[in-house]
Amino acid sequence: MRFMPIREGLSLTHYAVSVEHRFQMSPQRVYNLIIDMDEHRRILPRQFESLEVLEGGRGDGTVFRLTMNVMGNRTALVMTLKELEPGRIVQEQDGNAGITTTWELIPESEDRCILRLTSRFPDKPGFSGWVERLATSSMIRSIYKRELENIERYLSTGSAAK
């Protein structure tokens, strides 16, 4: 497991969960899937119950509601997508929940790339926060690995397992 404590400003402490996957396909093809919510919803693992586009639908400025259900704990986030570096870095953020997800595409060649998926979550204080961080990190990492595998499967075959 990889924990990366992060200090943002002087107020909140966050922790991060990160996974990455190497793709044998065009970086642009992978990037297009990430920023297109109609396509993106097709690769979400079963823990993601829905992705509802509220504004836009593709690229910078898209706003969407993402509903997750992990072990009976349902969470709804309203995420705003920003293309921090078009073609390479996308950020999704729910300012109210304090959750930020960053997709970083690292091109290796015209037909190979690494995709790194990192989410930052608010860190709750005390022992209960420590326990939550341990449990959440492991579960989220597993879900994200499935999501990256689904991207590969979808871009290779046109369908993805849930």
Foldseek 3Di string as FASTA:
>chain_A
DDWDWDDDDPDFIKIKAKDKDKFQFALQLLLQQVFAQVNVQQLAAPQWPDWAWDDDGGAAQTWIWIWGADPNDIDIATWGWHCPDPSAKIWIDRVVQGKIWMWGWADPDRRMIMIMIMMMGTQDDDDVSVVCCVVVNVVVNVSVVSSVVQSNCCVVPVHGHD
